Amino acid sequence: MNTQTATDLAATTEGVRQAWAEVLDRTTVPDDVNFFEIGGDSLLLIVLLERLGGLTDRELEAADLFQHSTVRAQVELLTSPDAPRELVELGATNRRGLLGRARRTGQGE
């Protein structure tokens, strides 16, 4: 692993930890504990989905977080080269921008 990749991985890991801590109202979160076992629920998962969307240019779905339910698994998801990319051609920089653009152009109906 090169230095840039290690730096990116460390930054992503810290970002995911911070998102979890904010959503779960905790000071620290372990990397290998399931989101639902540490106090999360389906509504908080949606809040986490929005927070994590700001860390990446990848389009995330709630199902992704159900399947990758630990900090470590979510970091792997976010840093995997095979994960789906966001629809950049719509000019959106985040999920709200993407949805807003689709509504304005009539694509979201």
N, C-alpha and C. Protein backbone atom coordinates (compact mmCIF):
# COMPACT_ATOMS: atom_id res chain seq x y z
N MET A 1 0.85 -1.18 0.00
CA MET A 1 0.00 0.00 0.00
C MET A 1 0.90 1.24 0.00
N ASN A 2 0.67 2.16 -0.93
CA ASN A 2 1.51 3.35 -0.96
C ASN A 2 1.05 4.37 0.06
N THR A 3 1.86 5.41 0.25
CA THR A 3 1.57 6.41 1.29
C THR A 3 0.26 7.14 1.03
N GLN A 4 -0.01 7.49 -0.24
CA GLN A 4 -1.25 8.19 -0.55
C GLN A 4 -2.47 7.32 -0.24
N THR A 5 -2.40 6.05 -0.60
CA THR A 5 -3.51 5.14 -0.33
C THR A 5 -3.70 4.96 1.17
N ALA A 6 -2.62 4.83 1.91
CA ALA A 6 -2.71 4.70 3.36
C ALA A 6 -3.30 5.96 3.99
N THR A 7 -2.92 7.11 3.47
CA THR A 7 -3.47 8.38 3.96
C THR A 7 -4.96 8.47 3.67
N ASP A 8 -5.36 8.10 2.44
CA ASP A 8 -6.78 8.11 2.08
C ASP A 8 -7.59 7.16 2.95
N LEU A 9 -7.05 5.98 3.19
CA LEU A 9 -7.72 4.98 4.02
C LEU A 9 -7.88 5.49 5.45
N ALA A 10 -6.83 6.09 5.98
CA ALA A 10 -6.90 6.64 7.33
C ALA A 10 -7.92 7.76 7.43
N ALA A 11 -7.96 8.63 6.43
CA ALA A 11 -8.92 9.74 6.43
C ALA A 11 -10.35 9.22 6.31
N THR A 12 -10.56 8.22 5.46
CA THR A 12 -11.90 7.65 5.31
C THR A 12 -12.33 6.96 6.59
N THR A 13 -11.41 6.22 7.20
CA THR A 13 -11.72 5.54 8.46
C THR A 13 -12.11 6.55 9.53
N GLU A 14 -11.36 7.62 9.64
CA GLU A 14 -11.67 8.64 10.64
C GLU A 14 -13.02 9.31 10.32
N GLY A 15 -13.29 9.55 9.05
CA GLY A 15 -14.56 10.15 8.66
C GLY A 15 -15.75 9.26 8.99
N VAL A 16 -15.61 7.96 8.74
CA VAL A 16 -16.70 7.02 9.06
C VAL A 16 -16.88 6.94 10.57
N ARG A 17 -15.79 6.86 11.31
CA ARG A 17 -15.89 6.84 12.78
C ARG A 17 -16.60 8.10 13.31
N GLN A 18 -16.21 9.24 12.76
CA GLN A 18 -16.81 10.49 13.22
C GLN A 18 -18.30 10.53 12.88
N ALA A 19 -18.68 10.08 11.70
CA ALA A 19 -20.09 10.05 11.31
C ALA A 19 -20.88 9.16 12.27
N TRP A 20 -20.35 7.97 12.56
CA TRP A 20 -21.01 7.07 13.49
C TRP A 20 -21.15 7.73 14.86
N ALA A 21 -20.07 8.33 15.36
CA ALA A 21 -20.10 8.95 16.69
C ALA A 21 -21.15 10.04 16.76
N GLU A 22 -21.25 10.85 15.71
CA GLU A 22 -22.25 11.92 15.69
C GLU A 22 -23.67 11.36 15.64
N VAL A 23 -23.89 10.40 14.77
CA VAL A 23 -25.24 9.83 14.60
C VAL A 23 -25.67 9.07 15.85
N LEU A 24 -24.75 8.36 16.47
CA LEU A 24 -25.08 7.56 17.65
C LEU A 24 -24.90 8.33 18.96
N ASP A 25 -24.43 9.57 18.88
CA ASP A 25 -24.20 10.41 20.05
C ASP A 25 -23.26 9.71 21.04
N ARG A 26 -22.11 9.28 20.50
CA ARG A 26 -21.08 8.60 21.29
C ARG A 26 -19.76 9.31 21.07
N THR A 27 -18.86 9.19 22.02
CA THR A 27 -17.55 9.81 21.84
C THR A 27 -16.63 8.93 21.01
N THR A 28 -16.77 7.62 21.12
CA THR A 28 -15.96 6.69 20.32
C THR A 28 -16.83 5.55 19.83
N VAL A 29 -16.40 4.93 18.75
CA VAL A 29 -17.09 3.74 18.24
C VAL A 29 -16.03 2.71 17.83
N PRO A 30 -16.28 1.44 18.13
CA PRO A 30 -15.35 0.40 17.71
C PRO A 30 -15.50 0.11 16.21
N ASP A 31 -14.44 -0.37 15.61
CA ASP A 31 -14.46 -0.63 14.17
C ASP A 31 -15.21 -1.89 13.78
N ASP A 32 -15.35 -2.84 14.70
CA ASP A 32 -15.90 -4.15 14.35
C ASP A 32 -17.23 -4.49 15.03
N VAL A 33 -17.97 -3.49 15.46
CA VAL A 33 -19.26 -3.74 16.10
C VAL A 33 -20.35 -3.31 15.14
N ASN A 34 -21.38 -4.15 15.03
CA ASN A 34 -22.51 -3.88 14.16
C ASN A 34 -23.24 -2.61 14.59
N PHE A 35 -23.61 -1.79 13.62
CA PHE A 35 -24.30 -0.52 13.86
C PHE A 35 -25.53 -0.71 14.76
N PHE A 36 -26.27 -1.77 14.53
CA PHE A 36 -27.51 -1.99 15.28
C PHE A 36 -27.24 -2.51 16.69
N GLU A 37 -26.11 -3.17 16.90
CA GLU A 37 -25.76 -3.66 18.22
C GLU A 37 -25.24 -2.55 19.13
N ILE A 38 -24.80 -1.45 18.54
CA ILE A 38 -24.22 -0.37 19.33
C ILE A 38 -25.24 0.76 19.58
N GLY A 39 -26.49 0.54 19.16
CA GLY A 39 -27.53 1.52 19.45
C GLY A 39 -28.18 2.13 18.23
N GLY A 40 -27.76 1.75 17.05
CA GLY A 40 -28.36 2.27 15.84
C GLY A 40 -29.70 1.62 15.54
N ASP A 41 -30.51 2.30 14.75
CA ASP A 41 -31.77 1.75 14.26
C ASP A 41 -31.93 2.18 12.81
N SER A 42 -33.01 1.77 12.18
CA SER A 42 -33.17 2.04 10.75
C SER A 42 -33.26 3.54 10.44
N LEU A 43 -33.83 4.33 11.33
CA LEU A 43 -33.90 5.77 11.09
C LEU A 43 -32.52 6.41 11.20
N LEU A 44 -31.76 5.98 12.20
CA LEU A 44 -30.39 6.50 12.34
C LEU A 44 -29.51 6.04 11.18
N LEU A 45 -29.81 4.88 10.62
CA LEU A 45 -29.05 4.40 9.47
C LEU A 45 -29.22 5.35 8.29
N ILE A 46 -30.42 5.90 8.11
CA ILE A 46 -30.67 6.85 7.02
C ILE A 46 -29.89 8.14 7.28
N VAL A 47 -29.83 8.57 8.53
CA VAL A 47 -29.03 9.75 8.87
C VAL A 47 -27.55 9.46 8.57
N LEU A 48 -27.09 8.28 8.94
CA LEU A 48 -25.70 7.88 8.66
C LEU A 48 -25.45 7.84 7.15
N LEU A 49 -26.40 7.36 6.41
CA LEU A 49 -26.29 7.31 4.95
C LEU A 49 -26.02 8.70 4.38
N GLU A 50 -26.72 9.69 4.86
CA GLU A 50 -26.51 11.07 4.41
C GLU A 50 -25.13 11.58 4.81
N ARG A 51 -24.70 11.27 6.03
CA ARG A 51 -23.38 11.71 6.50
C ARG A 51 -22.27 11.07 5.66
N LEU A 52 -22.39 9.78 5.42
CA LEU A 52 -21.35 9.08 4.66
C LEU A 52 -21.33 9.52 3.20
N GLY A 53 -22.47 9.91 2.69
CA GLY A 53 -22.53 10.40 1.31
C GLY A 53 -21.64 11.62 1.09
N GLY A 54 -21.41 12.38 2.14
CA GLY A 54 -20.54 13.54 2.04
C GLY A 54 -19.06 13.19 2.03
N LEU A 55 -18.73 11.94 2.33
CA LEU A 55 -17.33 11.51 2.37
C LEU A 55 -16.84 10.96 1.05
N THR A 56 -17.73 10.74 0.12
CA THR A 56 -17.36 10.01 -1.09
C THR A 56 -18.11 10.53 -2.30
N ASP A 57 -17.63 10.17 -3.47
CA ASP A 57 -18.36 10.47 -4.69
C ASP A 57 -19.14 9.25 -5.16
N ARG A 58 -19.28 8.27 -4.28
CA ARG A 58 -20.02 7.06 -4.60
C ARG A 58 -21.48 7.20 -4.18
N GLU A 59 -22.35 6.67 -4.98
CA GLU A 59 -23.77 6.64 -4.64
C GLU A 59 -23.99 5.49 -3.66
N LEU A 60 -24.49 5.81 -2.49
CA LEU A 60 -24.75 4.80 -1.47
C LEU A 60 -26.24 4.61 -1.31
N GLU A 61 -26.64 3.40 -1.05
CA GLU A 61 -28.02 3.05 -0.77
C GLU A 61 -28.09 2.50 0.65
N ALA A 62 -29.28 2.57 1.25
CA ALA A 62 -29.45 2.03 2.60
C ALA A 62 -29.06 0.56 2.64
N ALA A 63 -29.37 -0.19 1.59
CA ALA A 63 -29.02 -1.61 1.54
C ALA A 63 -27.52 -1.82 1.66
N ASP A 64 -26.73 -0.89 1.12
CA ASP A 64 -25.27 -0.99 1.25
C ASP A 64 -24.84 -0.98 2.71
N LEU A 65 -25.49 -0.12 3.49
CA LEU A 65 -25.11 -0.01 4.90
C LEU A 65 -25.64 -1.17 5.72
N PHE A 66 -26.78 -1.75 5.32
CA PHE A 66 -27.25 -2.96 5.99
C PHE A 66 -26.28 -4.11 5.73
N GLN A 67 -25.74 -4.19 4.52
CA GLN A 67 -24.81 -5.26 4.17
C GLN A 67 -23.42 -5.01 4.72
N HIS A 68 -23.07 -3.77 4.95
CA HIS A 68 -21.75 -3.38 5.48
C HIS A 68 -22.02 -2.63 6.78
N SER A 69 -22.23 -3.36 7.86
CA SER A 69 -22.80 -2.76 9.07
C SER A 69 -21.80 -2.44 10.17
N THR A 70 -20.50 -2.49 9.86
CA THR A 70 -19.49 -2.07 10.83
C THR A 70 -18.69 -0.91 10.22
N VAL A 71 -17.98 -0.20 11.07
CA VAL A 71 -17.11 0.87 10.57
C VAL A 71 -16.13 0.30 9.55
N ARG A 72 -15.49 -0.79 9.90
CA ARG A 72 -14.49 -1.39 9.01
C ARG A 72 -15.10 -1.77 7.66
N ALA A 73 -16.27 -2.40 7.68
CA ALA A 73 -16.93 -2.82 6.43
C ALA A 73 -17.34 -1.61 5.59
N GLN A 74 -17.77 -0.54 6.24
CA GLN A 74 -18.16 0.66 5.50
C GLN A 74 -16.95 1.37 4.91
N VAL A 75 -15.84 1.36 5.61
CA VAL A 75 -14.60 1.92 5.05
C VAL A 75 -14.21 1.13 3.81
N GLU A 76 -14.27 -0.19 3.89
CA GLU A 76 -13.94 -1.02 2.74
C GLU A 76 -14.88 -0.73 1.58
N LEU A 77 -16.16 -0.56 1.87
CA LEU A 77 -17.13 -0.22 0.83
C LEU A 77 -16.78 1.11 0.17
N LEU A 78 -16.48 2.11 0.97
CA LEU A 78 -16.20 3.44 0.44
C LEU A 78 -14.89 3.53 -0.33
N THR A 79 -13.95 2.67 0.02
CA THR A 79 -12.64 2.75 -0.64
C THR A 79 -12.44 1.69 -1.72
N SER A 80 -13.42 0.83 -1.90
CA SER A 80 -13.32 -0.22 -2.92
C SER A 80 -13.40 0.38 -4.32
N PRO A 81 -12.51 -0.01 -5.21
CA PRO A 81 -12.58 0.50 -6.59
C PRO A 81 -13.77 -0.04 -7.36
N ASP A 82 -14.43 -1.08 -6.85
CA ASP A 82 -15.57 -1.68 -7.54
C ASP A 82 -16.91 -1.10 -7.12
N ALA A 83 -16.93 -0.23 -6.11
CA ALA A 83 -18.20 0.33 -5.66
C ALA A 83 -18.77 1.25 -6.73
N PRO A 84 -20.11 1.35 -6.82
CA PRO A 84 -20.73 2.19 -7.85
C PRO A 84 -20.44 3.66 -7.64
N ARG A 85 -20.27 4.37 -8.73
CA ARG A 85 -20.02 5.82 -8.69
C ARG A 85 -21.34 6.58 -8.76
N GLU A 86 -21.34 7.76 -8.18
CA GLU A 86 -22.50 8.64 -8.24
C GLU A 86 -22.70 9.11 -9.67
N LEU A 87 -23.89 9.55 -9.99
CA LEU A 87 -24.20 10.03 -11.33
C LEU A 87 -23.64 11.42 -11.52
N VAL A 88 -22.36 11.50 -11.75
CA VAL A 88 -21.65 12.77 -11.86
C VAL A 88 -22.15 13.59 -13.04
N GLU A 89 -22.61 12.93 -14.11
CA GLU A 89 -23.04 13.68 -15.29
C GLU A 89 -24.23 14.60 -15.02
N LEU A 90 -24.96 14.39 -13.92
CA LEU A 90 -26.06 15.28 -13.58
C LEU A 90 -25.56 16.55 -12.88
N GLY A 91 -24.29 16.58 -12.57
CA GLY A 91 -23.71 17.76 -11.95
C GLY A 91 -23.97 17.86 -10.45
N ALA A 92 -24.38 16.79 -9.83
CA ALA A 92 -24.65 16.81 -8.39
C ALA A 92 -23.39 16.50 -7.61
N THR A 93 -23.21 17.20 -6.49
CA THR A 93 -22.06 16.91 -5.65
C THR A 93 -22.45 16.10 -4.43
N ASN A 94 -23.74 15.91 -4.22
CA ASN A 94 -24.21 15.08 -3.12
C ASN A 94 -25.61 14.59 -3.43
N ARG A 95 -26.16 13.75 -2.56
CA ARG A 95 -27.48 13.15 -2.79
C ARG A 95 -28.57 14.22 -2.93
N ARG A 96 -28.58 15.23 -2.08
CA ARG A 96 -29.61 16.27 -2.19
C ARG A 96 -29.50 17.02 -3.51
N GLY A 97 -28.29 17.30 -3.93
CA GLY A 97 -28.10 17.96 -5.21
C GLY A 97 -28.60 17.11 -6.36
N LEU A 98 -28.33 15.84 -6.29
CA LEU A 98 -28.78 14.91 -7.32
C LEU A 98 -30.30 14.87 -7.37
N LEU A 99 -30.94 14.73 -6.21
CA LEU A 99 -32.40 14.67 -6.17
C LEU A 99 -33.02 16.00 -6.60
N GLY A 100 -32.42 17.11 -6.15
CA GLY A 100 -32.94 18.43 -6.54
C GLY A 100 -32.86 18.64 -8.03
N ARG A 101 -31.76 18.24 -8.64
CA ARG A 101 -31.58 18.37 -10.08
C ARG A 101 -32.60 17.51 -10.83
N ALA A 102 -32.83 16.28 -10.34
CA ALA A 102 -33.79 15.40 -11.00
C ALA A 102 -35.18 15.98 -10.91
N ARG A 103 -35.55 16.57 -9.78
CA ARG A 103 -36.88 17.18 -9.63
C ARG A 103 -37.04 18.39 -10.55
N ARG A 104 -36.01 19.22 -10.62
CA ARG A 104 -36.09 20.42 -11.47
C ARG A 104 -36.23 20.07 -12.95
N THR A 105 -35.63 18.98 -13.36
CA THR A 105 -35.68 18.60 -14.77
C THR A 105 -36.80 17.62 -15.05
N GLY A 106 -37.57 17.24 -14.02
CA GLY A 106 -38.69 16.33 -14.21
C GLY A 106 -38.30 14.88 -14.26
N GLN A 107 -37.04 14.56 -13.96
CA GLN A 107 -36.58 13.18 -14.01
C GLN A 107 -36.97 12.40 -12.77
N GLY A 108 -37.32 13.07 -11.70
CA GLY A 108 -37.62 12.40 -10.44
C GLY A 108 -39.09 12.05 -10.29
N GLU A 109 -39.89 12.23 -11.31
CA GLU A 109 -41.33 11.96 -11.19
C GLU A 109 -41.70 10.67 -11.83
